[in-house]
PDB file of N, CA and C in Angstrom:
ATOM      1  N   ASP A   1     -25.225   4.313 -21.351  1.00  0.00           N
ATOM      2  CA  ASP A   1     -24.437   3.887 -20.250  1.00  0.00           C
ATOM      3  C   ASP A   1     -24.816   4.914 -18.878  1.00  0.00           C
ATOM      4  N   LEU A   2     -25.370   4.337 -17.811  1.00  0.00           N
ATOM      5  CA  LEU A   2     -25.682   5.037 -16.715  1.00  0.00           C
ATOM      6  C   LEU A   2     -24.581   4.887 -15.494  1.00  0.00           C
ATOM      7  N   ALA A   3     -24.402   5.741 -14.863  1.00  0.00           N
ATOM      8  CA  ALA A   3     -23.448   5.693 -13.769  1.00  0.00           C
ATOM      9  C   ALA A   3     -23.868   5.509 -12.392  1.00  0.00           C
ATOM     10  N   PHE A   4     -24.156   4.331 -12.135  1.00  0.00           N
ATOM     11  CA  PHE A   4     -24.604   4.002 -10.758  1.00  0.00           C
ATOM     12  C   PHE A   4     -25.902   4.452 -10.526  1.00  0.00           C
ATOM     13  N   PRO A   5     -27.054   4.168 -11.317  1.00  0.00           N
ATOM     14  CA  PRO A   5     -28.364   4.679 -11.181  1.00  0.00           C
ATOM     15  C   PRO A   5     -28.785   4.147  -9.727  1.00  0.00           C
ATOM     16  N   ASN A   6     -29.646   5.004  -9.071  1.00  0.00           N
ATOM     17  CA  ASN A   6     -30.210   4.787  -7.668  1.00  0.00           C
ATOM     18  C   ASN A   6     -31.455   5.304  -7.241  1.00  0.00           C
ATOM     19  N   GLY A   7     -32.104   4.825  -6.316  1.00  0.00           N
ATOM     20  CA  GLY A   7     -33.227   5.479  -5.699  1.00  0.00           C
ATOM     21  C   GLY A   7     -34.370   5.678  -6.884  1.00  0.00           C
ATOM     22  N   ILE A   8     -34.693   4.585  -7.432  1.00  0.00           N
ATOM     23  CA  ILE A   8     -35.921   4.655  -8.506  1.00  0.00           C
ATOM     24  C   ILE A   8     -37.234   4.623  -7.988  1.00  0.00           C
ATOM     25  N   VAL A   9     -37.992   5.488  -8.488  1.00  0.00           N
ATOM     26  CA  VAL A   9     -39.436   5.733  -8.229  1.00  0.00           C
ATOM     27  C   VAL A   9     -40.156   5.855  -9.645  1.00  0.00           C
ATOM     28  N   TYR A  10     -41.688   5.377  -9.478  1.00  0.00           N
ATOM     29  CA  TYR A  10     -42.286   5.446 -10.719  1.00  0.00           C
ATOM     30  C   TYR A  10     -43.399   6.684 -10.497  1.00  0.00           C
ATOM     31  N   ASP A  11     -43.478   7.478 -11.737  1.00  0.00           N
ATOM     32  CA  ASP A  11     -44.363   8.506 -11.619  1.00  0.00           C
ATOM     33  C   ASP A  11     -45.457   8.228 -12.701  1.00  0.00           C
ATOM     34  N   LYS A  12     -46.691   7.737 -11.996  1.00  0.00           N
ATOM     35  CA  LYS A  12     -47.760   7.298 -12.903  1.00  0.00           C
ATOM     36  C   LYS A  12     -48.516   8.382 -13.619  1.00  0.00           C
ATOM     37  N   SER A  13     -48.327   9.596 -13.058  1.00  0.00           N
ATOM     38  CA  SER A  13     -48.891  10.675 -13.950  1.00  0.00           C
ATOM     39  C   SER A  13     -48.325  11.013 -15.160  1.00  0.00           C
ATOM     40  N   THR A  14     -47.041  10.712 -15.346  1.00  0.00           N
ATOM     41  CA  THR A  14     -46.421  10.861 -16.555  1.00  0.00           C
ATOM     42  C   THR A  14     -45.743   9.498 -17.261  1.00  0.00           C
ATOM     43  N   SER A  15     -46.131   8.467 -16.660  1.00  0.00           N
ATOM     44  CA  SER A  15     -45.566   7.061 -17.188  1.00  0.00           C
ATOM     45  C   SER A  15     -44.228   7.251 -17.225  1.00  0.00           C
ATOM     46  N   SER A  16     -43.414   7.565 -16.284  1.00  0.00           N
ATOM     47  CA  SER A  16     -42.033   7.559 -16.450  1.00  0.00           C
ATOM     48  C   SER A  16     -41.473   7.168 -14.846  1.00  0.00           C
ATOM     49  N   ILE A  17     -40.045   6.721 -15.129  1.00  0.00           N
ATOM     50  CA  ILE A  17     -39.433   6.421 -13.741  1.00  0.00           C
ATOM     51  C   ILE A  17     -38.439   7.513 -13.578  1.00  0.00           C
ATOM     52  N   ILE A  18     -38.150   7.978 -12.533  1.00  0.00           N
ATOM     53  CA  ILE A  18     -37.227   8.986 -12.202  1.00  0.00           C
ATOM     54  C   ILE A  18     -36.359   8.291 -11.130  1.00  0.00           C
ATOM     55  N   PHE A  19     -34.779   8.647 -11.522  1.00  0.00           N
ATOM     56  CA  PHE A  19     -33.963   8.101 -10.797  1.00  0.00           C
ATOM     57  C   PHE A  19     -32.763   9.017 -10.474  1.00  0.00           C
ATOM     58  N   SER A  20     -32.004   8.771  -9.793  1.00  0.00           N
ATOM     59  CA  SER A  20     -30.540   9.335  -9.372  1.00  0.00           C
ATOM     60  C   SER A  20     -29.534   8.720 -10.182  1.00  0.00           C
ATOM     61  N   GLU A  21     -28.749   9.452 -10.875  1.00  0.00           N
ATOM     62  CA  GLU A  21     -27.377   8.977 -11.235  1.00  0.00           C
ATOM     63  C   GLU A  21     -26.532   9.342 -10.489  1.00  0.00           C
ATOM     64  N   LEU A  22     -26.024   8.502  -9.638  1.00  0.00           N
ATOM     65  CA  LEU A  22     -25.276   8.859  -8.481  1.00  0.00           C
ATOM     66  C   LEU A  22     -23.998   9.709  -8.703  1.00  0.00           C
ATOM     67  N   ASN A  23     -23.220   9.120  -9.459  1.00  0.00           N
ATOM     68  CA  ASN A  23     -21.816   9.468  -9.976  1.00  0.00           C
ATOM     69  C   ASN A  23     -21.762  10.610 -10.664  1.00  0.00           C
ATOM     70  N   ARG A  24     -23.034  11.191 -11.413  1.00  0.00           N
ATOM     71  CA  ARG A  24     -23.012  11.998 -12.496  1.00  0.00           C
ATOM     72  C   ARG A  24     -23.644  13.304 -11.938  1.00  0.00           C
ATOM     73  N   HIS A  25     -24.325  13.173 -10.679  1.00  0.00           N
ATOM     74  CA  HIS A  25     -25.101  14.020  -9.749  1.00  0.00           C
ATOM     75  C   HIS A  25     -26.137  14.715 -10.601  1.00  0.00           C
ATOM     76  N   ARG A  26     -27.122  13.827 -11.070  1.00  0.00           N
ATOM     77  CA  ARG A  26     -28.072  14.348 -11.564  1.00  0.00           C
ATOM     78  C   ARG A  26     -29.277  13.443 -11.451  1.00  0.00           C
ATOM     79  N   LEU A  27     -30.358  13.853 -11.792  1.00  0.00           N
ATOM     80  CA  LEU A  27     -31.698  13.311 -11.767  1.00  0.00           C
ATOM     81  C   LEU A  27     -32.266  13.143 -13.018  1.00  0.00           C
ATOM     82  N   ILE A  28     -32.855  11.890 -13.503  1.00  0.00           N
ATOM     83  CA  ILE A  28     -33.173  11.537 -14.807  1.00  0.00           C
ATOM     84  C   ILE A  28     -34.467  10.967 -14.801  1.00  0.00           C
ATOM     85  N   LYS A  29     -35.506  11.616 -15.796  1.00  0.00           N
ATOM     86  CA  LYS A  29     -36.749  10.955 -15.974  1.00  0.00           C
ATOM     87  C   LYS A  29     -36.810  10.231 -17.268  1.00  0.00           C
ATOM     88  N   PHE A  30     -37.214   8.887 -17.159  1.00  0.00           N
ATOM     89  CA  PHE A  30     -36.971   8.044 -18.492  1.00  0.00           C
ATOM     90  C   PHE A  30     -38.779   7.402 -18.749  1.00  0.00           C
ATOM     91  N   TYR A  31     -39.190   7.799 -19.744  1.00  0.00           N
ATOM     92  CA  TYR A  31     -40.445   7.553 -20.018  1.00  0.00           C
ATOM     93  C   TYR A  31     -40.700   6.052 -20.616  1.00  0.00           C
ATOM     94  N   VAL A  32     -41.678   5.525 -19.682  1.00  0.00           N
ATOM     95  CA  VAL A  32     -41.866   3.929 -20.370  1.00  0.00           C
ATOM     96  C   VAL A  32     -43.338   3.711 -20.806  1.00  0.00           C
ATOM     97  N   ASP A  33     -44.078   4.671 -21.079  1.00  0.00           N
ATOM     98  CA  ASP A  33     -45.027   4.598 -21.962  1.00  0.00           C
ATOM     99  C   ASP A  33     -45.493   5.999 -22.598  1.00  0.00           C
ATOM    100  N   GLY A  34     -46.472   6.014 -23.249  1.00  0.00           N
ATOM    101  CA  GLY A  34     -47.178   7.296 -24.060  1.00  0.00           C
ATOM    102  C   GLY A  34     -46.292   7.808 -25.054  1.00  0.00           C
ATOM    103  N   PRO A  35     -46.581   8.874 -25.399  1.00  0.00           N
ATOM    104  CA  PRO A  35     -45.954   9.525 -26.620  1.00  0.00           C
ATOM    105  C   PRO A  35     -44.461   9.747 -26.795  1.00  0.00           C
ATOM    106  N   LYS A  36     -44.047   9.943 -25.392  1.00  0.00           N
ATOM    107  CA  LYS A  36     -42.376  10.131 -25.189  1.00  0.00           C
ATOM    108  C   LYS A  36     -41.745   8.707 -24.690  1.00  0.00           C
ATOM    109  N   LYS A  37     -42.384   7.699 -24.882  1.00  0.00           N
ATOM    110  CA  LYS A  37     -41.907   6.322 -24.564  1.00  0.00           C
ATOM    111  C   LYS A  37     -40.519   6.018 -25.075  1.00  0.00           C
ATOM    112  N   GLY A  38     -39.567   5.798 -24.238  1.00  0.00           N
ATOM    113  CA  GLY A  38     -38.186   5.491 -24.750  1.00  0.00           C
ATOM    114  C   GLY A  38     -37.249   6.621 -24.586  1.00  0.00           C
ATOM    115  N   THR A  39     -37.932   7.760 -24.483  1.00  0.00           N
ATOM    116  CA  THR A  39     -37.026   9.026 -24.143  1.00  0.00           C
ATOM    117  C   THR A  39     -36.754   9.418 -22.838  1.00  0.00           C
ATOM    118  N   GLN A  40     -35.618  10.179 -22.527  1.00  0.00           N
ATOM    119  CA  GLN A  40     -35.284  10.479 -21.021  1.00  0.00           C
ATOM    120  C   GLN A  40     -34.933  11.988 -21.033  1.00  0.00           C
ATOM    121  N   GLU A  41     -35.167  12.799 -20.020  1.00  0.00           N
ATOM    122  CA  GLU A  41     -34.697  13.900 -19.712  1.00  0.00           C
ATOM    123  C   GLU A  41     -34.090  14.346 -18.441  1.00  0.00           C
ATOM    124  N   TYR A  42     -33.199  15.230 -18.460  1.00  0.00           N
ATOM    125  CA  TYR A  42     -32.742  15.542 -17.088  1.00  0.00           C
ATOM    126  C   TYR A  42     -33.448  16.284 -16.187  1.00  0.00           C
ATOM    127  N   LEU A  43     -33.942  15.963 -15.122  1.00  0.00           N
ATOM    128  CA  LEU A  43     -34.596  16.906 -14.223  1.00  0.00           C
ATOM    129  C   LEU A  43     -34.088  18.019 -13.824  1.00  0.00           C
ATOM    130  N   ILE A  44     -32.900  17.528 -13.129  1.00  0.00           N
ATOM    131  CA  ILE A  44     -31.788  18.385 -12.404  1.00  0.00           C
ATOM    132  C   ILE A  44     -30.251  17.881 -12.764  1.00  0.00           C
ATOM    133  N   GLU A  45     -29.480  18.640 -13.184  1.00  0.00           N
ATOM    134  CA  GLU A  45     -27.732  18.205 -13.289  1.00  0.00           C
ATOM    135  C   GLU A  45     -27.096  18.969 -12.060  1.00  0.00           C
ATOM    136  N   ASN A  46     -26.044  18.464 -12.003  1.00  0.00           N
ATOM    137  CA  ASN A  46     -25.084  19.282 -10.961  1.00  0.00           C
ATOM    138  C   ASN A  46     -25.796  19.433  -9.578  1.00  0.00           C
ATOM    139  N   LEU A  47     -26.332  18.395  -9.210  1.00  0.00           N
ATOM    140  CA  LEU A  47     -26.631  18.222  -7.879  1.00  0.00           C
ATOM    141  C   LEU A  47     -25.572  18.491  -6.840  1.00  0.00           C
ATOM    142  N   PHE A  48     -25.826  18.856  -5.701  1.00  0.00           N
ATOM    143  CA  PHE A  48     -24.839  19.292  -4.701  1.00  0.00           C
ATOM    144  C   PHE A  48     -24.245  18.190  -3.906  1.00  0.00           C
ATOM    145  N   GLY A  49     -24.887  16.840  -4.025  1.00  0.00           N
ATOM    146  CA  GLY A  49     -24.401  15.749  -3.385  1.00  0.00           C
ATOM    147  C   GLY A  49     -24.789  14.344  -4.139  1.00  0.00           C
ATOM    148  N   TYR A  50     -24.767  13.238  -3.534  1.00  0.00           N
ATOM    149  CA  TYR A  50     -25.039  11.854  -4.134  1.00  0.00           C
ATOM    150  C   TYR A  50     -26.503  11.660  -3.683  1.00  0.00           C
ATOM    151  N   GLY A  51     -27.323  11.755  -4.931  1.00  0.00           N
ATOM    152  CA  GLY A  51     -28.769  11.718  -4.798  1.00  0.00           C
ATOM    153  C   GLY A  51     -29.146  10.253  -4.467  1.00  0.00           C
ATOM    154  N   ASP A  52     -29.938  10.088  -3.444  1.00  0.00           N
ATOM    155  CA  ASP A  52     -30.305   8.532  -3.007  1.00  0.00           C
ATOM    156  C   ASP A  52     -31.595   8.474  -2.456  1.00  0.00           C
ATOM    157  N   ASN A  53     -32.374   7.298  -2.307  1.00  0.00           N
ATOM    158  CA  ASN A  53     -33.561   7.236  -1.475  1.00  0.00           C
ATOM    159  C   ASN A  53     -34.703   8.561  -2.090  1.00  0.00           C
ATOM    160  N   LEU A  54     -35.160   8.118  -3.092  1.00  0.00           N
ATOM    161  CA  LEU A  54     -36.238   9.303  -3.931  1.00  0.00           C
ATOM    162  C   LEU A  54     -37.377   8.703  -3.143  1.00  0.00           C
ATOM    163  N   LYS A  55     -38.241   9.749  -3.080  1.00  0.00           N
ATOM    164  CA  LYS A  55     -39.718   9.310  -2.518  1.00  0.00           C
ATOM    165  C   LYS A  55     -40.488  10.345  -3.454  1.00  0.00           C
ATOM    166  N   LEU A  56     -41.548   9.978  -4.109  1.00  0.00           N
ATOM    167  CA  LEU A  56     -42.572  10.811  -4.830  1.00  0.00           C
ATOM    168  C   LEU A  56     -43.804  10.657  -4.245  1.00  0.00           C
ATOM    169  N   ASN A  57     -44.519  12.074  -3.928  1.00  0.00           N
ATOM    170  CA  ASN A  57     -45.646  12.082  -3.312  1.00  0.00           C
ATOM    171  C   ASN A  57     -46.780  12.171  -4.387  1.00  0.00           C
ATOM    172  N   ASP A  58     -48.291  12.255  -4.078  1.00  0.00           N
ATOM    173  CA  ASP A  58     -49.230  12.338  -5.115  1.00  0.00           C
ATOM    174  C   ASP A  58     -49.582  13.599  -5.555  1.00  0.00           C
ATOM    175  N   LYS A  59     -48.806  14.657  -4.986  1.00  0.00           N
ATOM    176  CA  LYS A  59     -48.694  16.136  -5.544  1.00  0.00           C
ATOM    177  C   LYS A  59     -47.727  16.182  -6.723  1.00  0.00           C
ATOM    178  N   GLY A  60     -46.777  15.371  -7.043  1.00  0.00           N
ATOM    179  CA  GLY A  60     -45.696  15.432  -7.963  1.00  0.00           C
ATOM    180  C   GLY A  60     -44.498  16.112  -7.087  1.00  0.00           C
ATOM    181  N   GLU A  61     -44.429  16.047  -5.901  1.00  0.00           N
ATOM    182  CA  GLU A  61     -43.085  16.533  -5.319  1.00  0.00           C
ATOM    183  C   GLU A  61     -42.315  15.424  -5.104  1.00  0.00           C
ATOM    184  N   LEU A  62     -41.066  15.532  -5.313  1.00  0.00           N
ATOM    185  CA  LEU A  62     -40.001  14.342  -5.284  1.00  0.00           C
ATOM    186  C   LEU A  62     -39.079  15.040  -4.239  1.00  0.00           C
ATOM    187  N   TYR A  63     -39.008  14.008  -3.211  1.00  0.00           N
ATOM    188  CA  TYR A  63     -37.947  14.155  -2.245  1.00  0.00           C
ATOM    189  C   TYR A  63     -36.687  13.481  -2.438  1.00  0.00           C
ATOM    190  N   VAL A  64     -35.681  14.134  -2.212  1.00  0.00           N
ATOM    191  CA  VAL A  64     -34.205  13.317  -2.498  1.00  0.00           C
ATOM    192  C   VAL A  64     -33.400  13.715  -1.342  1.00  0.00           C
ATOM    193  N   ALA A  65     -32.840  12.347  -0.935  1.00  0.00           N
ATOM    194  CA  ALA A  65     -31.864  12.499   0.320  1.00  0.00           C
ATOM    195  C   ALA A  65     -30.503  12.432  -0.300  1.00  0.00           C
ATOM    196  N   PHE A  66     -29.720  13.071   0.316  1.00  0.00           N
ATOM    197  CA  PHE A  66     -28.199  13.068  -0.027  1.00  0.00           C
ATOM    198  C   PHE A  66     -27.500  12.644   1.366  1.00  0.00           C
ATOM    199  N   PRO A  67     -26.924  11.487   1.334  1.00  0.00           N
ATOM    200  CA  PRO A  67     -26.144  10.917   2.479  1.00  0.00           C
ATOM    201  C   PRO A  67     -24.985  11.460   2.611  1.00  0.00           C
ATOM    202  N   ALA A  68     -24.455  12.259   1.616  1.00  0.00           N
ATOM    203  CA  ALA A  68     -23.083  12.984   1.345  1.00  0.00           C
ATOM    204  C   ALA A  68     -23.016  13.797   0.383  1.00  0.00           C
ATOM    205  N   THR A  69     -22.549  15.064   0.586  1.00  0.00           N
ATOM    206  CA  THR A  69     -22.354  16.328  -0.477  1.00  0.00           C
ATOM    207  C   THR A  69     -21.182  15.914  -1.207  1.00  0.00           C
ATOM    208  N   ARG A  70     -21.125  16.485  -2.393  1.00  0.00           N
ATOM    209  CA  ARG A  70     -20.052  16.171  -3.410  1.00  0.00           C
ATOM    210  C   ARG A  70     -18.758  16.528  -2.628  1.00  0.00           C
ATOM    211  N   ASP A  71     -17.631  15.890  -3.016  1.00  0.00           N
ATOM    212  CA  ASP A  71     -16.396  16.000  -2.530  1.00  0.00           C
ATOM    213  C   ASP A  71     -15.427  16.563  -3.597  1.00  0.00           C
ATOM    214  N   PRO A  72     -14.533  17.619  -3.459  1.00  0.00           N
ATOM    215  CA  PRO A  72     -13.837  18.042  -4.653  1.00  0.00           C
ATOM    216  C   PRO A  72     -12.828  16.972  -5.069  1.00  0.00           C
ATOM    217  N   LEU A  73     -12.323  16.338  -4.079  1.00  0.00           N
ATOM    218  CA  LEU A  73     -11.273  15.070  -4.400  1.00  0.00           C
ATOM    219  C   LEU A  73     -11.874  14.348  -5.228  1.00  0.00           C
ATOM    220  N   LEU A  74     -13.098  13.709  -4.895  1.00  0.00           N
ATOM    221  CA  LEU A  74     -13.557  12.635  -5.686  1.00  0.00           C
ATOM    222  C   LEU A  74     -14.343  13.117  -6.977  1.00  0.00           C
ATOM    223  N   ASP A  75     -14.672  14.495  -7.030  1.00  0.00           N
ATOM    224  CA  ASP A  75     -15.029  14.726  -8.294  1.00  0.00           C
ATOM    225  C   ASP A  75     -13.991  14.790  -9.184  1.00  0.00           C
ATOM    226  N   HIS A  76     -12.803  15.252  -8.768  1.00  0.00           N
ATOM    227  CA  HIS A  76     -11.602  15.258  -9.571  1.00  0.00           C
ATOM    228  C   HIS A  76     -10.940  14.010 -10.072  1.00  0.00           C
ATOM    229  N   LEU A  77     -11.449  12.888  -9.167  1.00  0.00           N
ATOM    230  CA  LEU A  77     -11.155  11.558  -9.492  1.00  0.00           C
ATOM    231  C   LEU A  77     -12.107  10.826 -10.555  1.00  0.00           C
ATOM    232  N   ASN A  78     -13.318  11.298 -10.757  1.00  0.00           N
ATOM    233  CA  ASN A  78     -14.496  11.074 -11.261  1.00  0.00           C
ATOM    234  C   ASN A  78     -13.846  10.332 -12.951  1.00  0.00           C
ATOM    235  N   ASP A  79     -13.107  10.842 -13.359  1.00  0.00           N
ATOM    236  CA  ASP A  79     -12.617  10.765 -14.685  1.00  0.00           C
ATOM    237  C   ASP A  79     -11.128  10.132 -14.705  1.00  0.00           C
ATOM    238  N   LYS A  80     -10.830   9.500 -13.688  1.00  0.00           N
ATOM    239  CA  LYS A  80      -9.410   8.990 -13.551  1.00  0.00           C
ATOM    240  C   LYS A  80      -9.640   7.623 -12.802  1.00  0.00           C
ATOM    241  N   PRO A  81     -10.175   6.803 -13.458  1.00  0.00           N
ATOM    242  CA  PRO A  81     -10.306   5.388 -13.054  1.00  0.00           C
ATOM    243  C   PRO A  81      -9.167   4.622 -12.543  1.00  0.00           C
ATOM    244  N   GLU A  82      -7.983   4.794 -13.361  1.00  0.00           N
ATOM    245  CA  GLU A  82      -6.464   4.369 -12.884  1.00  0.00           C
ATOM    246  C   GLU A  82      -6.068   4.700 -11.725  1.00  0.00           C
ATOM    247  N   ILE A  83      -6.438   6.014 -11.158  1.00  0.00           N
ATOM    248  CA  ILE A  83      -6.055   6.538  -9.794  1.00  0.00           C
ATOM    249  C   ILE A  83      -6.971   5.964  -8.906  1.00  0.00           C
ATOM    250  N   ARG A  84      -8.447   6.171  -9.199  1.00  0.00           N
ATOM    251  CA  ARG A  84      -9.520   5.833  -8.230  1.00  0.00           C
ATOM    252  C   ARG A  84      -9.251   4.392  -7.802  1.00  0.00           C
ATOM    253  N   LYS A  85      -8.835   3.424  -8.520  1.00  0.00           N
ATOM    254  CA  LYS A  85      -9.014   2.112  -8.214  1.00  0.00           C
ATOM    255  C   LYS A  85      -7.963   1.734  -6.964  1.00  0.00           C
ATOM    256  N   TRP A  86      -6.993   2.617  -6.885  1.00  0.00           N
ATOM    257  CA  TRP A  86      -5.854   2.497  -5.939  1.00  0.00           C
ATOM    258  C   TRP A  86      -6.558   2.815  -4.550  1.00  0.00           C
ATOM    259  N   LEU A  87      -7.671   3.580  -4.399  1.00  0.00           N
ATOM    260  CA  LEU A  87      -8.349   4.146  -3.288  1.00  0.00           C
ATOM    261  C   LEU A  87      -8.576   2.790  -2.166  1.00  0.00           C
ATOM    262  N   ILE A  88      -8.919   1.740  -2.857  1.00  0.00           N
ATOM    263  CA  ILE A  88      -9.324   0.518  -1.973  1.00  0.00           C
ATOM    264  C   ILE A  88      -8.011   0.021  -1.018  1.00  0.00           C
ATOM    265  N   TYR A  89      -6.834   0.459  -1.604  1.00  0.00           N
ATOM    266  CA  TYR A  89      -5.701  -0.002  -0.943  1.00  0.00           C
ATOM    267  C   TYR A  89      -5.180   0.867   0.388  1.00  0.00           C
ATOM    268  N   LEU A  90      -5.873   1.856   0.416  1.00  0.00           N
ATOM    269  CA  LEU A  90      -5.737   3.017   1.388  1.00  0.00           C
ATOM    270  C   LEU A  90      -6.112   2.709   2.499  1.00  0.00           C
ATOM    271  N   PRO A  91      -5.800   2.917   3.961  1.00  0.00           N
ATOM    272  CA  PRO A  91      -6.560   2.819   5.073  1.00  0.00           C
ATOM    273  C   PRO A  91      -7.905   3.143   5.188  1.00  0.00           C
ATOM    274  N   GLU A  92      -8.959   2.526   5.555  1.00  0.00           N
ATOM    275  CA  GLU A  92     -10.215   3.006   5.388  1.00  0.00           C
ATOM    276  C   GLU A  92     -10.333   4.478   6.247  1.00  0.00           C
ATOM    277  N   ARG A  93      -9.813   4.584   7.459  1.00  0.00           N
ATOM    278  CA  ARG A  93      -9.656   5.718   8.174  1.00  0.00           C
ATOM    279  C   ARG A  93      -9.305   6.905   7.440  1.00  0.00           C
ATOM    280  N   LEU A  94      -8.187   6.531   6.557  1.00  0.00           N
ATOM    281  CA  LEU A  94      -7.613   7.850   5.849  1.00  0.00           C
ATOM    282  C   LEU A  94      -8.398   8.301   4.698  1.00  0.00           C
ATOM    283  N   VAL A  95      -9.092   7.293   4.246  1.00  0.00           N
ATOM    284  CA  VAL A  95     -10.356   7.550   2.980  1.00  0.00           C
ATOM    285  C   VAL A  95     -11.468   8.671   3.677  1.00  0.00           C
ATOM    286  N   TYR A  96     -12.126   7.813   4.744  1.00  0.00           N
ATOM    287  CA  TYR A  96     -13.010   8.546   5.510  1.00  0.00           C
ATOM    288  C   TYR A  96     -12.737  10.211   5.962  1.00  0.00           C
ATOM    289  N   SER A  97     -11.562  10.223   6.182  1.00  0.00           N
ATOM    290  CA  SER A  97     -10.909  11.528   6.552  1.00  0.00           C
ATOM    291  C   SER A  97     -10.999  12.495   5.443  1.00  0.00           C
ATOM    292  N   LEU A  98     -10.621  12.075   4.409  1.00  0.00           N
ATOM    293  CA  LEU A  98     -10.589  12.921   3.164  1.00  0.00           C
ATOM    294  C   LEU A  98     -12.209  13.442   2.868  1.00  0.00           C
ATOM    295  N   VAL A  99     -13.261  12.341   3.075  1.00  0.00           N
ATOM    296  CA  VAL A  99     -14.537  12.735   2.601  1.00  0.00           C
ATOM    297  C   VAL A  99     -15.165  13.742   3.521  1.00  0.00           C
ATOM    298  N   GLN A 100     -15.948  14.597   2.869  1.00  0.00           N
ATOM    299  CA  GLN A 100     -16.659  15.689   3.620  1.00  0.00           C
ATOM    300  C   GLN A 100     -17.848  15.083   4.202  1.00  0.00           C
ATOM    301  N   LYS A 101     -18.163  15.407   5.550  1.00  0.00           N
ATOM    302  CA  LYS A 101     -18.962  14.929   6.171  1.00  0.00           C
ATOM    303  C   LYS A 101     -20.398  15.707   6.539  1.00  0.00           C
ATOM    304  N   ARG A 102     -21.058  15.759   5.259  1.00  0.00           N
ATOM    305  CA  ARG A 102     -22.091  16.428   5.071  1.00  0.00           C
ATOM    306  C   ARG A 102     -23.378  15.801   4.599  1.00  0.00           C
ATOM    307  N   ALA A 103     -24.509  15.959   5.038  1.00  0.00           N
ATOM    308  CA  ALA A 103     -25.829  15.292   4.292  1.00  0.00           C
ATOM    309  C   ALA A 103     -26.988  16.244   4.149  1.00  0.00           C
ATOM    310  N   GLY A 104     -27.961  16.098   3.333  1.00  0.00           N
ATOM    311  CA  GLY A 104     -28.968  16.883   3.307  1.00  0.00           C
ATOM    312  C   GLY A 104     -29.924  16.164   2.592  1.00  0.00           C
ATOM    313  N   GLY A 105     -30.948  17.293   2.047  1.00  0.00           N
ATOM    314  CA  GLY A 105     -32.274  16.617   0.982  1.00  0.00           C
ATOM    315  C   GLY A 105     -32.595  17.976   0.416  1.00  0.00           C
ATOM    316  N   ILE A 106     -33.624  17.376  -0.607  1.00  0.00           N
ATOM    317  CA  ILE A 106     -34.149  18.752  -1.351  1.00  0.00           C
ATOM    318  C   ILE A 106     -35.658  18.164  -1.620  1.00  0.00           C
ATOM    319  N   LYS A 107     -36.545  19.083  -1.915  1.00  0.00           N
ATOM    320  CA  LYS A 107     -37.921  18.745  -2.571  1.00  0.00           C
ATOM    321  C   LYS A 107     -37.927  19.527  -3.609  1.00  0.00           C
ATOM    322  N   ILE A 108     -38.373  18.640  -4.773  1.00  0.00           N
ATOM    323  CA  ILE A 108     -38.677  19.182  -6.391  1.00  0.00           C
ATOM    324  C   ILE A 108     -40.127  19.013  -6.692  1.00  0.00           C
ATOM    325  N   ASP A 109     -40.622  20.107  -7.456  1.00  0.00           N
ATOM    326  CA  ASP A 109     -41.732  19.889  -8.079  1.00  0.00           C
ATOM    327  C   ASP A 109     -41.602  19.295  -9.449  1.00  0.00           C
ATOM    328  N   THR A 110     -41.756  18.086  -9.708  1.00  0.00           N
ATOM    329  CA  THR A 110     -41.393  17.556 -10.991  1.00  0.00           C
ATOM    330  C   THR A 110     -42.257  17.794 -11.943  1.00  0.00           C
ATOM    331  N   LYS A 111     -43.202  18.843 -11.734  1.00  0.00           N
ATOM    332  CA  LYS A 111     -43.851  19.331 -12.918  1.00  0.00           C
ATOM    333  C   LYS A 111     -43.277  20.763 -13.483  1.00  0.00           C
ATOM    334  N   THR A 112     -43.043  21.334 -12.503  1.00  0.00           N
ATOM    335  CA  THR A 112     -42.332  22.683 -12.925  1.00  0.00           C
ATOM    336  C   THR A 112     -40.699  22.745 -12.683  1.00  0.00           C
ATOM    337  N   GLY A 113     -40.125  21.665 -12.036  1.00  0.00           N
ATOM    338  CA  GLY A 113     -38.560  21.654 -11.909  1.00  0.00           C
ATOM    339  C   GLY A 113     -38.308  22.327 -10.752  1.00  0.00           C
TER     340      GLY A 113
END
């Protein structure tokens, strides 16, 4: 069960796909061919934001954009779906005022982590 997979790229050097699991703040590599076919590994866990828009270059460097950093309030609500569903009834301005307004990006060497 994946929590909102996003930003999928194919790494032909390892016959794998790499994607961000947005709500669990991690990057996953899933092997689609070769000796590790059908297995996955976590490239990075506990990311500082919501990973989106992945880009992999020929050197094996993965660029990850973060349109927003993690918010302590939303992290707290991650395992409380009964409360989280009520957020849609709050005024949009109020919800956006609670969310931190920061963004960023990182570059990762997929060969060394």
